Amino acid sequence: MSDTTNETTNGTAVGPDRKVALVTGANKGIGYEIAAGLGALGWAVGVGARDEARREAAVEKLRAAGVDAFGVPLDVTDDASVAGAARVVEERAGRLDVLVNNAGITGGGPQDPTTVDVDRVRAAVETNVIGVIRVTNALLPLLRRSASPRIVNVSSSVGSLTLQTKPGAQVGPVAVAYSPSKTFLNAVTVQYAKELAGTGVLINAVCPGYVATDLNAFQGVRTPEQGAIAAIRLSTIPDDGPHGRFFDEDGEVPW
């Protein structure tokens, strides 16, 4: 369910010359570093997160670093919460220049397809796919008010069917909930790209790499700062930049 706190409404309105971003799941890990990176560029950044205490702590930390950050109560699996998040952004900025759909879950384990608890699959899809659709559609009216709107969906190379089926490739463990949810997200990104072609709204997917976060018990080999690089880059592409494609820090990733 959605919640409200004073910090979501405190602060001055964002001026017309400052870019505005909303990052979901931005209270920690990769999402936080994406917010910090965009903030360092002088952007106003909405910290989307469902946990009130962690959201407030992230906003305070960003503000202490000089970022114009504001909290956005947001549970991507809840219609009312997402609608409330759109209202917070509209009240604070009146528009949105970049939406980074970063919030995600693994679905828990084990995830062997022959024995999996189907509720794990359902939960992964609800957050990683349906949540992205829910948030994107709610924020699109604000994105359309931007001169250069961008949408970045944080995916993973484990969602690449090309890589998953390449002989000898090592692309994550067997995971019938998480990996296919990212494949689904990639397919959804392509469908949005087809519908939004020619509208000025550029949408792309990004793989942050194997980042040490609580999703993998901090076993990843990359830092959250490194994981944020590609998403920040895609948030700031020019009007003739890529659309409907999949990237990591090193370049394009095959679907």
C-alpha atoms as a PDB file:
ATOM      1  CA  MET A   1       0.000   0.000   0.000  1.00  0.00           C
ATOM      2  CA  SER A   2       1.073   3.574  -0.499  1.00  0.00           C
ATOM      3  CA  ASP A   3       2.145   5.853   2.319  1.00  0.00           C
ATOM      4  CA  THR A   4       2.898   9.520   2.731  1.00  0.00           C
ATOM      5  CA  THR A   5       5.613  11.389   4.554  1.00  0.00           C
ATOM      6  CA  ASN A   6       6.486  15.031   4.966  1.00  0.00           C
ATOM      7  CA  GLU A   7       9.686  14.654   2.993  1.00  0.00           C
ATOM      8  CA  THR A   8       7.764  13.877  -0.190  1.00  0.00           C
ATOM      9  CA  THR A   9       6.273  17.356  -0.283  1.00  0.00           C
ATOM     10  CA  ASN A  10       8.969  19.467   1.386  1.00  0.00           C
ATOM     11  CA  GLY A  11      11.348  21.474  -0.780  1.00  0.00           C
ATOM     12  CA  THR A  12      10.924  23.905  -3.607  1.00  0.00           C
ATOM     13  CA  ALA A  13       9.391  23.091  -6.974  1.00  0.00           C
ATOM     14  CA  VAL A  14      11.792  22.002  -9.671  1.00  0.00           C
ATOM     15  CA  GLY A  15      12.614  24.783 -12.120  1.00  0.00           C
ATOM     16  CA  PRO A  16      12.019  24.422 -15.872  1.00  0.00           C
ATOM     17  CA  ASP A  17      15.739  24.236 -16.652  1.00  0.00           C
ATOM     18  CA  ARG A  18      16.508  21.299 -14.360  1.00  0.00           C
ATOM     19  CA  LYS A  19      16.049  17.728 -15.547  1.00  0.00           C
ATOM     20  CA  VAL A  20      13.828  15.497 -13.422  1.00  0.00           C
ATOM     21  CA  ALA A  21      14.228  11.738 -12.966  1.00  0.00           C
ATOM     22  CA  LEU A  22      12.366   9.068 -11.051  1.00  0.00           C
ATOM     23  CA  VAL A  23      14.284   5.928 -10.119  1.00  0.00           C
ATOM     24  CA  THR A  24      12.337   3.006  -8.713  1.00  0.00           C
ATOM     25  CA  GLY A  25      13.957   0.882  -6.031  1.00  0.00           C
ATOM     26  CA  ALA A  26      16.332   3.773  -5.379  1.00  0.00           C
ATOM     27  CA  ASN A  27      16.794   3.443  -1.638  1.00  0.00           C
ATOM     28  CA  LYS A  28      19.829   1.153  -1.982  1.00  0.00           C
ATOM     29  CA  GLY A  29      22.168  -0.674  -4.331  1.00  0.00           C
ATOM     30  CA  ILE A  30      22.150   0.051  -8.058  1.00  0.00           C
ATOM     31  CA  GLY A  31      19.046   2.227  -7.856  1.00  0.00           C
ATOM     32  CA  TYR A  32      20.605   4.484  -5.263  1.00  0.00           C
ATOM     33  CA  GLU A  33      23.752   4.893  -7.338  1.00  0.00           C
ATOM     34  CA  ILE A  34      21.711   5.717 -10.440  1.00  0.00           C
ATOM     35  CA  ALA A  35      19.936   8.408  -8.430  1.00  0.00           C
ATOM     36  CA  ALA A  36      23.261   9.678  -7.078  1.00  0.00           C
ATOM     37  CA  GLY A  37      24.805   9.747 -10.531  1.00  0.00           C
ATOM     38  CA  LEU A  38      21.947  11.685 -12.101  1.00  0.00           C
ATOM     39  CA  GLY A  39      21.898  14.009  -9.100  1.00  0.00           C
ATOM     40  CA  ALA A  40      25.591  14.705  -9.571  1.00  0.00           C
ATOM     41  CA  LEU A  41      24.714  15.958 -13.061  1.00  0.00           C
ATOM     42  CA  GLY A  42      22.461  18.558 -11.471  1.00  0.00           C
ATOM     43  CA  TRP A  43      19.201  16.689 -11.903  1.00  0.00           C
ATOM     44  CA  ALA A  44      16.319  16.609  -9.444  1.00  0.00           C
ATOM     45  CA  VAL A  45      15.800  12.964  -8.538  1.00  0.00           C
ATOM     46  CA  GLY A  46      12.775  11.203  -7.132  1.00  0.00           C
ATOM     47  CA  VAL A  47      13.788   8.321  -4.883  1.00  0.00           C
ATOM     48  CA  GLY A  48      11.107   5.711  -5.447  1.00  0.00           C
ATOM     49  CA  ALA A  49      10.920   3.085  -2.694  1.00  0.00           C
ATOM     50  CA  ARG A  50       8.269   1.329  -0.651  1.00  0.00           C
ATOM     51  CA  ASP A  51      10.190   1.183   2.637  1.00  0.00           C
ATOM     52  CA  GLU A  52       9.643   4.542   4.350  1.00  0.00           C
ATOM     53  CA  ALA A  53      12.673   4.465   6.643  1.00  0.00           C
ATOM     54  CA  ARG A  54      15.087   3.403   3.907  1.00  0.00           C
ATOM     55  CA  ARG A  55      13.604   5.924   1.491  1.00  0.00           C
ATOM     56  CA  GLU A  56      14.009   8.797   3.942  1.00  0.00           C
ATOM     57  CA  ALA A  57      17.571   7.721   4.760  1.00  0.00           C
ATOM     58  CA  ALA A  58      18.469   7.617   1.062  1.00  0.00           C
ATOM     59  CA  VAL A  59      16.971  11.061   0.462  1.00  0.00           C
ATOM     60  CA  GLU A  60      18.858  12.513   3.425  1.00  0.00           C
ATOM     61  CA  LYS A  61      22.130  10.969   2.233  1.00  0.00           C
ATOM     62  CA  LEU A  62      21.643  12.299  -1.298  1.00  0.00           C
ATOM     63  CA  ARG A  63      20.745  15.761  -0.052  1.00  0.00           C
ATOM     64  CA  ALA A  64      23.843  15.775   2.142  1.00  0.00           C
ATOM     65  CA  ALA A  65      25.844  15.165  -1.044  1.00  0.00           C
ATOM     66  CA  GLY A  66      24.198  18.162  -2.697  1.00  0.00           C
ATOM     67  CA  VAL A  67      21.570  16.309  -4.725  1.00  0.00           C
ATOM     68  CA  ASP A  68      18.086  17.785  -5.160  1.00  0.00           C
ATOM     69  CA  ALA A  69      16.434  14.554  -4.031  1.00  0.00           C
ATOM     70  CA  PHE A  70      12.838  13.980  -3.008  1.00  0.00           C
ATOM     71  CA  GLY A  71      11.135  10.876  -1.706  1.00  0.00           C
ATOM     72  CA  VAL A  72       8.445   9.079  -3.672  1.00  0.00           C
ATOM     73  CA  PRO A  73       6.506   6.390  -1.800  1.00  0.00           C
ATOM     74  CA  LEU A  74       6.256   3.619  -4.373  1.00  0.00           C
ATOM     75  CA  ASP A  75       5.317  -0.037  -4.369  1.00  0.00           C
ATOM     76  CA  VAL A  76       5.394  -1.095  -8.020  1.00  0.00           C
ATOM     77  CA  THR A  77       2.985  -3.967  -7.348  1.00  0.00           C
ATOM     78  CA  ASP A  78       0.237  -1.673  -6.008  1.00  0.00           C
ATOM     79  CA  ASP A  79      -1.996   0.395  -8.304  1.00  0.00           C
ATOM     80  CA  ALA A  80      -2.839   3.008  -5.673  1.00  0.00           C
ATOM     81  CA  SER A  81       0.802   3.427  -4.688  1.00  0.00           C
ATOM     82  CA  VAL A  82       1.884   3.927  -8.295  1.00  0.00           C
ATOM     83  CA  ALA A  83      -0.880   6.474  -8.895  1.00  0.00           C
ATOM     84  CA  GLY A  84       0.233   8.274  -5.742  1.00  0.00           C
ATOM     85  CA  ALA A  85       3.823   8.308  -6.965  1.00  0.00           C
ATOM     86  CA  ALA A  86       2.757   9.977 -10.196  1.00  0.00           C
ATOM     87  CA  ARG A  87       0.974  12.655  -8.176  1.00  0.00           C
ATOM     88  CA  VAL A  88       4.081  13.294  -6.061  1.00  0.00           C
ATOM     89  CA  VAL A  89       6.199  13.811  -9.172  1.00  0.00           C
ATOM     90  CA  GLU A  90       3.594  16.055 -10.761  1.00  0.00           C
ATOM     91  CA  GLU A  91       3.271  18.191  -7.635  1.00  0.00           C
ATOM     92  CA  ARG A  92       7.034  18.522  -7.267  1.00  0.00           C
ATOM     93  CA  ALA A  93       8.053  18.984 -10.898  1.00  0.00           C
ATOM     94  CA  GLY A  94       5.037  19.047 -13.214  1.00  0.00           C
ATOM     95  CA  ARG A  95       6.836  16.755 -15.639  1.00  0.00           C
ATOM     96  CA  LEU A  96       9.312  13.867 -15.834  1.00  0.00           C
ATOM     97  CA  ASP A  97      12.354  13.684 -18.093  1.00  0.00           C
ATOM     98  CA  VAL A  98      13.611  10.205 -17.232  1.00  0.00           C
ATOM     99  CA  LEU A  99      12.033   7.119 -15.695  1.00  0.00           C
ATOM    100  CA  VAL A 100      14.410   4.381 -14.594  1.00  0.00           C
ATOM    101  CA  ASN A 101      12.537   1.161 -13.869  1.00  0.00           C
ATOM    102  CA  ASN A 102      15.084  -0.380 -11.529  1.00  0.00           C
ATOM    103  CA  ALA A 103      12.988  -2.085  -8.818  1.00  0.00           C
ATOM    104  CA  GLY A 104      13.219  -5.849  -9.050  1.00  0.00           C
ATOM    105  CA  ILE A 105      13.321  -9.122  -7.134  1.00  0.00           C
ATOM    106  CA  THR A 106      14.783 -12.564  -7.771  1.00  0.00           C
ATOM    107  CA  GLY A 107      11.687 -14.415  -6.595  1.00  0.00           C
ATOM    108  CA  GLY A 108      13.704 -16.406  -4.086  1.00  0.00           C
ATOM    109  CA  GLY A 109      15.014 -19.900  -4.494  1.00  0.00           C
ATOM    110  CA  PRO A 110      15.350 -22.653  -5.443  1.00  0.00           C
ATOM    111  CA  GLN A 111      14.192 -22.121  -9.029  1.00  0.00           C
ATOM    112  CA  ASP A 112      14.709 -25.436 -10.816  1.00  0.00           C
ATOM    113  CA  PRO A 113      11.838 -25.554 -13.314  1.00  0.00           C
ATOM    114  CA  THR A 114      10.738 -29.100 -12.459  1.00  0.00           C
ATOM    115  CA  THR A 115      10.302 -28.391  -8.754  1.00  0.00           C
ATOM    116  CA  VAL A 116       9.766 -24.655  -8.449  1.00  0.00           C
ATOM    117  CA  ASP A 117       7.018 -23.158  -6.325  1.00  0.00           C
ATOM    118  CA  VAL A 118       5.000 -21.346  -8.987  1.00  0.00           C
ATOM    119  CA  ASP A 119       4.394 -18.508  -6.542  1.00  0.00           C
ATOM    120  CA  ARG A 120       8.085 -17.617  -6.957  1.00  0.00           C
ATOM    121  CA  VAL A 121       7.541 -17.241 -10.688  1.00  0.00           C
ATOM    122  CA  ARG A 122       4.380 -15.230 -10.155  1.00  0.00           C
ATOM    123  CA  ALA A 123       6.104 -12.860  -7.719  1.00  0.00           C
ATOM    124  CA  ALA A 124       9.057 -12.256 -10.049  1.00  0.00           C
ATOM    125  CA  VAL A 125       6.792 -11.459 -12.982  1.00  0.00           C
ATOM    126  CA  GLU A 126       4.537  -9.226 -10.877  1.00  0.00           C
ATOM    127  CA  THR A 127       7.441  -7.021  -9.802  1.00  0.00           C
ATOM    128  CA  ASN A 128       9.902  -7.282 -12.688  1.00  0.00           C
ATOM    129  CA  VAL A 129       7.426  -7.088 -15.554  1.00  0.00           C
ATOM    130  CA  ILE A 130       3.927  -6.034 -14.563  1.00  0.00           C
ATOM    131  CA  GLY A 131       5.360  -3.506 -12.127  1.00  0.00           C
ATOM    132  CA  VAL A 132       7.348  -1.921 -14.954  1.00  0.00           C
ATOM    133  CA  ILE A 133       4.246  -1.709 -17.146  1.00  0.00           C
ATOM    134  CA  ARG A 134       2.204  -0.274 -14.286  1.00  0.00           C
ATOM    135  CA  VAL A 135       4.763   2.411 -13.435  1.00  0.00           C
ATOM    136  CA  THR A 136       5.562   3.285 -17.043  1.00  0.00           C
ATOM    137  CA  ASN A 137       1.928   3.791 -17.997  1.00  0.00           C
ATOM    138  CA  ALA A 138       1.258   5.913 -14.920  1.00  0.00           C
ATOM    139  CA  LEU A 139       4.256   8.159 -15.608  1.00  0.00           C
ATOM    140  CA  LEU A 140       3.926   8.433 -19.390  1.00  0.00           C
ATOM    141  CA  PRO A 141       1.674  11.527 -19.249  1.00  0.00           C
ATOM    142  CA  LEU A 142       4.417  13.334 -17.299  1.00  0.00           C
ATOM    143  CA  LEU A 143       7.137  12.017 -19.591  1.00  0.00           C
ATOM    144  CA  ARG A 144       5.267  13.364 -22.609  1.00  0.00           C
ATOM    145  CA  ARG A 145       5.617  16.864 -21.120  1.00  0.00           C
ATOM    146  CA  SER A 146       9.392  16.579 -21.406  1.00  0.00           C
ATOM    147  CA  ALA A 147      11.327  17.850 -24.409  1.00  0.00           C
ATOM    148  CA  SER A 148      13.509  14.707 -24.349  1.00  0.00           C
ATOM    149  CA  PRO A 149      11.788  11.894 -22.437  1.00  0.00           C
ATOM    150  CA  ARG A 150      13.703   8.709 -21.691  1.00  0.00           C
ATOM    151  CA  ILE A 151      12.757   5.345 -20.170  1.00  0.00           C
ATOM    152  CA  VAL A 152      15.422   2.916 -18.977  1.00  0.00           C
ATOM    153  CA  ASN A 153      14.426  -0.603 -17.945  1.00  0.00           C
ATOM    154  CA  VAL A 154      17.005  -2.347 -15.778  1.00  0.00           C
ATOM    155  CA  SER A 155      17.196  -5.890 -17.104  1.00  0.00           C
ATOM    156  CA  SER A 156      19.970  -8.497 -17.065  1.00  0.00           C
ATOM    157  CA  SER A 157      22.044 -10.514 -19.506  1.00  0.00           C
ATOM    158  CA  VAL A 158      20.413 -13.612 -18.000  1.00  0.00           C
ATOM    159  CA  GLY A 159      17.276 -12.488 -19.848  1.00  0.00           C
ATOM    160  CA  SER A 160      19.013 -12.733 -23.221  1.00  0.00           C
ATOM    161  CA  LEU A 161      17.779 -15.823 -25.055  1.00  0.00           C
ATOM    162  CA  THR A 162      20.694 -15.457 -27.452  1.00  0.00           C
ATOM    163  CA  LEU A 163      23.195 -15.725 -24.619  1.00  0.00           C
ATOM    164  CA  GLN A 164      21.207 -18.334 -22.684  1.00  0.00           C
ATOM    165  CA  THR A 165      21.181 -20.675 -25.682  1.00  0.00           C
ATOM    166  CA  LYS A 166      24.762 -20.067 -26.830  1.00  0.00           C
ATOM    167  CA  PRO A 167      26.746 -23.330 -26.505  1.00  0.00           C
ATOM    168  CA  GLY A 168      29.203 -23.140 -23.638  1.00  0.00           C
ATOM    169  CA  ALA A 169      28.013 -19.771 -22.388  1.00  0.00           C
ATOM    170  CA  GLN A 170      27.765 -19.283 -18.644  1.00  0.00           C
ATOM    171  CA  VAL A 171      24.860 -16.894 -18.075  1.00  0.00           C
ATOM    172  CA  GLY A 172      23.741 -17.364 -14.500  1.00  0.00           C
ATOM    173  CA  PRO A 173      22.288 -20.411 -12.748  1.00  0.00           C
ATOM    174  CA  VAL A 174      19.119 -22.264 -13.681  1.00  0.00           C
ATOM    175  CA  ALA A 175      16.406 -19.860 -12.536  1.00  0.00           C
ATOM    176  CA  VAL A 176      12.939 -20.341 -13.976  1.00  0.00           C
ATOM    177  CA  ALA A 177      11.520 -17.287 -12.171  1.00  0.00           C
ATOM    178  CA  TYR A 178      14.183 -14.568 -12.353  1.00  0.00           C
ATOM    179  CA  SER A 179      15.811 -15.176 -15.739  1.00  0.00           C
ATOM    180  CA  PRO A 180      12.562 -15.559 -17.725  1.00  0.00           C
ATOM    181  CA  SER A 181      11.135 -12.485 -15.967  1.00  0.00           C
ATOM    182  CA  LYS A 182      14.006 -10.488 -17.469  1.00  0.00           C
ATOM    183  CA  THR A 183      13.401 -12.097 -20.868  1.00  0.00           C
ATOM    184  CA  PHE A 184       9.768 -11.022 -20.519  1.00  0.00           C
ATOM    185  CA  LEU A 185      10.901  -7.508 -19.558  1.00  0.00           C
ATOM    186  CA  ASN A 186      13.119  -7.343 -22.642  1.00  0.00           C
ATOM    187  CA  ALA A 187      10.187  -8.333 -24.838  1.00  0.00           C
ATOM    188  CA  VAL A 188       7.996  -5.720 -23.156  1.00  0.00           C
ATOM    189  CA  THR A 189      10.676  -3.099 -23.802  1.00  0.00           C
ATOM    190  CA  VAL A 190      10.604  -3.952 -27.514  1.00  0.00           C
ATOM    191  CA  GLN A 191       6.816  -3.611 -27.638  1.00  0.00           C
ATOM    192  CA  TYR A 192       6.948  -0.190 -25.976  1.00  0.00           C
ATOM    193  CA  ALA A 193       9.652   0.844 -28.440  1.00  0.00           C
ATOM    194  CA  LYS A 194       7.435  -0.137 -31.352  1.00  0.00           C
ATOM    195  CA  GLU A 195       4.438   1.801 -30.032  1.00  0.00           C
ATOM    196  CA  LEU A 196       6.467   4.853 -28.994  1.00  0.00           C
ATOM    197  CA  ALA A 197       8.487   5.077 -32.215  1.00  0.00           C
ATOM    198  CA  GLY A 198       8.441   8.622 -33.563  1.00  0.00           C
ATOM    199  CA  THR A 199       6.997  10.145 -30.376  1.00  0.00           C
ATOM    200  CA  GLY A 200      10.315  11.357 -28.977  1.00  0.00           C
ATOM    201  CA  VAL A 201      10.103   8.950 -26.020  1.00  0.00           C
ATOM    202  CA  LEU A 202      13.216   6.772 -26.193  1.00  0.00           C
ATOM    203  CA  ILE A 203      13.127   3.486 -24.300  1.00  0.00           C
ATOM    204  CA  ASN A 204      15.938   0.991 -23.835  1.00  0.00           C
ATOM    205  CA  ALA A 205      16.920  -1.905 -21.591  1.00  0.00           C
ATOM    206  CA  VAL A 206      20.163  -2.112 -19.652  1.00  0.00           C
ATOM    207  CA  CYS A 207      22.209  -4.814 -17.960  1.00  0.00           C
ATOM    208  CA  PRO A 208      24.176  -3.551 -14.935  1.00  0.00           C
ATOM    209  CA  GLY A 209      26.344  -6.673 -14.766  1.00  0.00           C
ATOM    210  CA  TYR A 210      26.862  -8.999 -11.830  1.00  0.00           C
ATOM    211  CA  VAL A 211      26.679  -6.414  -9.065  1.00  0.00           C
ATOM    212  CA  ALA A 212      27.156  -7.131  -5.378  1.00  0.00           C
ATOM    213  CA  THR A 213      23.711  -6.413  -3.886  1.00  0.00           C
ATOM    214  CA  ASP A 214      21.362  -8.084  -1.454  1.00  0.00           C
ATOM    215  CA  LEU A 215      19.652  -9.783  -4.420  1.00  0.00           C
ATOM    216  CA  ASN A 216      22.652 -12.096  -4.745  1.00  0.00           C
ATOM    217  CA  ALA A 217      23.817 -12.030  -1.108  1.00  0.00           C
ATOM    218  CA  PHE A 218      26.545  -9.587  -2.201  1.00  0.00           C
ATOM    219  CA  GLN A 219      28.316 -12.240  -4.260  1.00  0.00           C
ATOM    220  CA  GLY A 220      28.544 -10.021  -7.349  1.00  0.00           C
ATOM    221  CA  VAL A 221      31.900  -8.880  -8.701  1.00  0.00           C
ATOM    222  CA  ARG A 222      30.891  -5.326  -9.601  1.00  0.00           C
ATOM    223  CA  THR A 223      30.101  -2.409  -7.325  1.00  0.00           C
ATOM    224  CA  PRO A 224      26.710  -0.661  -7.367  1.00  0.00           C
ATOM    225  CA  GLU A 225      28.502   2.428  -8.723  1.00  0.00           C
ATOM    226  CA  GLN A 226      29.753   0.370 -11.671  1.00  0.00           C
ATOM    227  CA  GLY A 227      26.315  -1.157 -12.123  1.00  0.00           C
ATOM    228  CA  ALA A 228      24.783   2.294 -12.462  1.00  0.00           C
ATOM    229  CA  ILE A 229      27.036   3.471 -15.298  1.00  0.00           C
ATOM    230  CA  ALA A 230      25.065   2.099 -18.256  1.00  0.00           C
ATOM    231  CA  ALA A 231      21.699   3.227 -16.874  1.00  0.00           C
ATOM    232  CA  ILE A 232      22.988   6.769 -16.338  1.00  0.00           C
ATOM    233  CA  ARG A 233      24.400   6.766 -19.864  1.00  0.00           C
ATOM    234  CA  LEU A 234      21.066   5.690 -21.377  1.00  0.00           C
ATOM    235  CA  SER A 235      19.229   8.279 -19.283  1.00  0.00           C
ATOM    236  CA  THR A 236      21.243  11.028 -20.912  1.00  0.00           C
ATOM    237  CA  ILE A 237      21.313   9.996 -24.580  1.00  0.00           C
ATOM    238  CA  PRO A 238      20.591  12.667 -27.210  1.00  0.00           C
ATOM    239  CA  ASP A 239      17.376  12.860 -29.209  1.00  0.00           C
ATOM    240  CA  ASP A 240      18.942  10.801 -32.013  1.00  0.00           C
ATOM    241  CA  GLY A 241      20.113   8.150 -29.559  1.00  0.00           C
ATOM    242  CA  PRO A 242      19.216   4.453 -29.540  1.00  0.00           C
ATOM    243  CA  HIS A 243      15.640   3.262 -29.145  1.00  0.00           C
ATOM    244  CA  GLY A 244      14.362  -0.224 -28.380  1.00  0.00           C
ATOM    245  CA  ARG A 245      17.794  -1.724 -27.747  1.00  0.00           C
ATOM    246  CA  PHE A 246      19.663  -3.530 -24.976  1.00  0.00           C
ATOM    247  CA  PHE A 247      22.995  -2.380 -23.558  1.00  0.00           C
ATOM    248  CA  ASP A 248      25.533  -2.999 -20.861  1.00  0.00           C
ATOM    249  CA  GLU A 249      28.494  -0.792 -19.980  1.00  0.00           C
ATOM    250  CA  ASP A 250      30.546  -2.193 -22.871  1.00  0.00           C
ATOM    251  CA  GLY A 251      27.970  -1.870 -25.613  1.00  0.00           C
ATOM    252  CA  GLU A 252      24.940  -3.571 -27.116  1.00  0.00           C
ATOM    253  CA  VAL A 253      23.709  -6.879 -25.714  1.00  0.00           C
ATOM    254  CA  PRO A 254      21.824  -9.337 -27.969  1.00  0.00           C
ATOM    255  CA  TRP A 255      18.194  -9.964 -27.106  1.00  0.00           C
END
